[in-house]
Protein backbone atom coordinates (compact mmCIF):
# COMPACT_ATOMS: atom_id res chain seq x y z
CA MET A 1 -77.70 -69.95 -1.54
CA PRO A 2 -75.04 -68.58 0.84
CA ILE A 3 -71.66 -67.80 -0.63
CA THR A 4 -68.82 -69.85 0.83
CA VAL A 5 -65.09 -69.27 0.88
CA ALA A 6 -64.64 -72.23 -1.46
CA MET A 7 -67.09 -70.70 -3.95
CA ILE A 8 -65.15 -67.43 -3.98
CA GLU A 9 -61.80 -69.19 -4.34
CA GLU A 10 -63.05 -71.40 -7.20
CA LYS A 11 -64.87 -68.63 -9.11
CA GLU A 12 -63.37 -67.97 -12.54
CA PHE A 13 -64.26 -64.93 -14.60
CA LYS A 14 -64.07 -64.62 -18.36
CA THR A 15 -61.33 -62.35 -19.66
CA LYS A 16 -62.28 -59.62 -22.07
CA MET A 17 -60.30 -56.91 -23.76
CA ARG A 18 -59.84 -53.88 -21.51
CA GLY A 19 -61.14 -55.85 -18.49
CA TYR A 20 -59.88 -55.73 -14.93
CA ASP A 21 -56.49 -57.06 -14.00
CA PRO A 22 -57.15 -60.72 -13.07
CA VAL A 23 -54.38 -60.70 -10.47
CA GLU A 24 -55.86 -57.66 -8.75
CA VAL A 25 -59.35 -59.21 -8.77
CA ASP A 26 -57.96 -62.47 -7.37
CA GLU A 27 -56.13 -60.60 -4.61
CA PHE A 28 -59.32 -58.74 -3.67
CA LEU A 29 -61.30 -61.98 -3.60
CA ASP A 30 -58.56 -63.54 -1.44
CA GLU A 31 -58.94 -60.65 1.02
CA ILE A 32 -62.70 -61.25 1.12
CA CYS A 33 -62.09 -64.96 1.75
CA ASP A 34 -59.65 -64.17 4.56
CA GLU A 35 -62.19 -61.86 6.15
CA MET A 36 -64.94 -64.47 5.83
CA VAL A 37 -62.72 -67.11 7.44
CA ALA A 38 -61.84 -64.72 10.28
CA MET A 39 -65.51 -63.90 10.86
CA GLN A 40 -66.49 -67.58 10.75
CA ASP A 41 -63.71 -68.42 13.22
CA GLU A 42 -64.84 -65.64 15.51
CA ILE A 43 -68.45 -66.85 15.33
CA SER A 44 -67.45 -70.44 16.12
CA ILE A 45 -65.26 -69.28 19.03
CA LEU A 46 -68.11 -67.22 20.41
CA GLN A 47 -70.55 -70.10 19.96
CA SER A 48 -68.23 -72.49 21.79
CA ARG A 49 -67.80 -69.93 24.59
CA LEU A 50 -71.57 -69.58 24.76
CA ASN A 51 -71.95 -73.35 25.07
CA GLN A 52 -69.23 -73.52 27.74
CA ASN A 53 -70.76 -70.64 29.70
CA ALA A 54 -74.24 -72.15 29.45
CA GLN A 55 -72.91 -75.44 30.85
CA SER A 56 -70.57 -74.10 33.52
CA ALA A 57 -71.58 -70.65 34.75
CA PRO A 58 -74.60 -68.47 34.00
CA VAL A 59 -72.59 -65.25 34.32
CA TYR A 60 -70.60 -63.86 31.41
CA THR A 61 -67.14 -62.62 32.32
CA PRO A 62 -65.17 -60.44 29.92
CA ALA A 63 -61.89 -62.09 31.00
CA ALA A 64 -63.11 -65.40 29.51
CA VAL A 65 -63.13 -63.95 26.00
CA PRO A 66 -60.36 -65.42 23.81
CA PRO A 67 -57.89 -63.09 22.14
CA PRO A 68 -59.54 -61.37 19.17
CA VAL A 69 -59.00 -62.61 15.65
CA PRO A 70 -57.19 -59.98 13.57
CA ALA A 71 -59.69 -58.02 11.49
CA PRO A 72 -59.62 -54.79 9.53
CA ALA A 73 -59.69 -51.63 11.67
CA PRO A 74 -63.34 -50.65 10.96
CA VAL A 75 -64.53 -54.14 11.91
CA LYS A 76 -62.47 -54.11 15.10
CA GLU A 77 -64.00 -50.78 16.12
CA VAL A 78 -67.57 -52.00 15.57
CA VAL A 79 -66.92 -55.28 17.40
CA LYS A 80 -65.37 -53.44 20.37
CA GLU A 81 -68.40 -51.15 20.61
CA VAL A 82 -70.81 -54.06 20.42
CA VAL A 83 -68.91 -56.04 23.06
CA LYS A 84 -68.88 -53.02 25.39
CA GLU A 85 -72.62 -52.47 24.91
CA VAL A 86 -73.49 -56.11 25.47
CA VAL A 87 -71.18 -56.63 28.46
CA VAL A 88 -72.43 -53.49 30.20
CA GLN A 89 -76.12 -54.11 29.56
CA GLU A 90 -76.65 -57.85 29.83
CA ASP A 91 -75.86 -60.88 31.95
CA GLY A 92 -73.94 -63.95 30.73
CA SER A 93 -75.92 -66.03 28.24
CA GLU A 94 -78.09 -63.17 27.00
CA ALA A 95 -75.00 -61.05 26.43
CA ALA A 96 -73.29 -63.81 24.49
CA GLN A 97 -76.38 -64.44 22.39
CA LYS A 98 -76.74 -60.75 21.60
CA LEU A 99 -73.05 -60.55 20.81
CA LEU A 100 -73.33 -63.50 18.42
CA ALA A 101 -76.40 -61.99 16.78
CA ARG A 102 -74.65 -58.63 16.35
CA ALA A 103 -71.51 -60.34 14.99
CA GLN A 104 -73.62 -62.28 12.49
CA LYS A 105 -75.39 -59.06 11.48
CA ILE A 106 -72.05 -57.31 10.92
CA TYR A 107 -70.82 -60.31 8.96
CA ASP A 108 -73.94 -60.27 6.77
CA GLU A 109 -73.60 -56.51 6.21
CA MET A 110 -69.97 -56.90 5.17
CA ILE A 111 -70.88 -59.68 2.73
CA ALA A 112 -73.69 -57.54 1.30
CA GLU A 113 -71.29 -54.60 0.90
CA ALA A 114 -68.72 -56.85 -0.78
CA LYS A 115 -71.37 -58.16 -3.18
CA GLU A 116 -72.49 -54.60 -3.94
CA GLU A 117 -68.91 -53.55 -4.62
CA ALA A 118 -68.36 -56.60 -6.83
CA ASP A 119 -71.54 -55.78 -8.78
CA LYS A 120 -70.39 -52.18 -9.23
CA ILE A 121 -67.00 -53.37 -10.45
CA LEU A 122 -68.58 -55.81 -12.88
CA SER A 123 -71.08 -53.27 -14.24
CA GLY A 124 -68.31 -50.70 -14.67
CA ALA A 125 -66.15 -53.23 -16.49
CA SER A 126 -69.08 -54.21 -18.67
CA ALA A 127 -69.80 -50.57 -19.53
CA ARG A 128 -66.17 -49.91 -20.41
CA ALA A 129 -66.03 -53.09 -22.49
CA THR A 130 -69.18 -52.07 -24.36
CA SER A 131 -67.78 -48.59 -24.94
CA GLY A 132 -64.50 -50.06 -26.19
CA LEU A 133 -66.38 -52.41 -28.48
CA GLU A 134 -68.37 -49.51 -29.95
CA GLU A 135 -65.15 -47.59 -30.59
CA LEU A 136 -63.66 -50.63 -32.32
CA GLU A 137 -66.79 -51.04 -34.48
CA GLU A 138 -66.54 -47.38 -35.55
CA GLU A 139 -62.85 -47.80 -36.35
CA LYS A 140 -63.64 -50.97 -38.32
CA ALA A 141 -66.29 -49.14 -40.37
CA ALA A 142 -63.86 -46.29 -41.11
CA LEU A 143 -61.15 -48.75 -42.19
CA GLU A 144 -63.59 -50.66 -44.41
CA LYS A 145 -64.59 -47.38 -46.07
CA GLU A 146 -60.92 -46.53 -46.63
CA VAL A 147 -60.27 -50.00 -48.11
CA ASP A 148 -63.20 -49.54 -50.50
CA MET A 149 -61.82 -46.14 -51.58
CA LEU A 150 -58.37 -47.67 -52.16
CA LYS A 151 -59.88 -50.51 -54.21
CA ALA A 152 -61.76 -47.98 -56.36
CA ALA A 153 -58.58 -45.96 -56.85
CA ALA A 154 -56.65 -49.13 -57.78
CA ARG A 155 -59.35 -50.08 -60.35
CA ASP A 156 -59.22 -46.57 -61.85
CA TYR A 157 -55.41 -46.69 -62.03
CA LYS A 158 -55.52 -50.14 -63.64
CA GLU A 159 -58.02 -48.95 -66.27
CA ARG A 160 -55.92 -45.87 -67.12
CA PHE A 161 -52.78 -48.00 -67.30
CA LEU A 162 -54.45 -50.51 -69.62
CA ARG A 163 -55.63 -47.62 -71.88
CA LEU A 164 -52.09 -46.26 -71.94
CA VAL A 165 -50.71 -49.68 -72.85
CA GLU A 166 -53.35 -50.05 -75.59
CA ASP A 167 -52.53 -46.58 -76.95
CA GLN A 168 -48.84 -47.45 -77.00
CA GLN A 169 -49.69 -50.72 -78.77
CA HIS A 170 -51.58 -48.76 -81.45
CA VAL A 171 -48.61 -46.39 -81.89
CA LEU A 172 -46.22 -49.31 -82.24
CA ASN A 173 -48.54 -51.02 -84.72
CA ALA A 174 -48.85 -47.80 -86.73
CA GLU A 175 -45.06 -47.32 -86.88
CA THR A 176 -44.44 -50.89 -87.96
CA GLU A 177 -47.00 -50.47 -90.77
CA LEU A 178 -45.00 -47.53 -92.07
CA PHE A 179 -41.87 -49.64 -92.32
CA GLU A 180 -43.42 -52.55 -94.08
């Protein structure tokens, strides 16, 4: 099932202790959505140009290309190279078709890279969460052991105190017997 902009915008992730900053993740996903929208707009513009050129003139003219949609620098460089290659090598409709195919390929590659990066981020977060959980379990075990030691010490203190009180009771009873 292809991922849509709406799916990315509506995706909610569970929050866990020591997880990623939700605001930062949301901002990154927004950037991905913006890029997807830009690529989809560019594809639709190119498809409409292809349809217009197929209906009106069989020759592709570079001047008929609409102004480019803003895209990140690496994408702009790749698109410029592809457009140059296609315009130089092909005639109108073939050039436009190849350009659309190349643009779709670049789009698919960018989506695949974004998914890979998201998977890496999620696996890293999961590993750190697991590590943090293990540390907390160890700390819990150490604290439980300390609580048990304190309980044993409290029982021992209570027993000694009760013996002291009993001994004092015997001394008091012995002294009162002398005065009777």
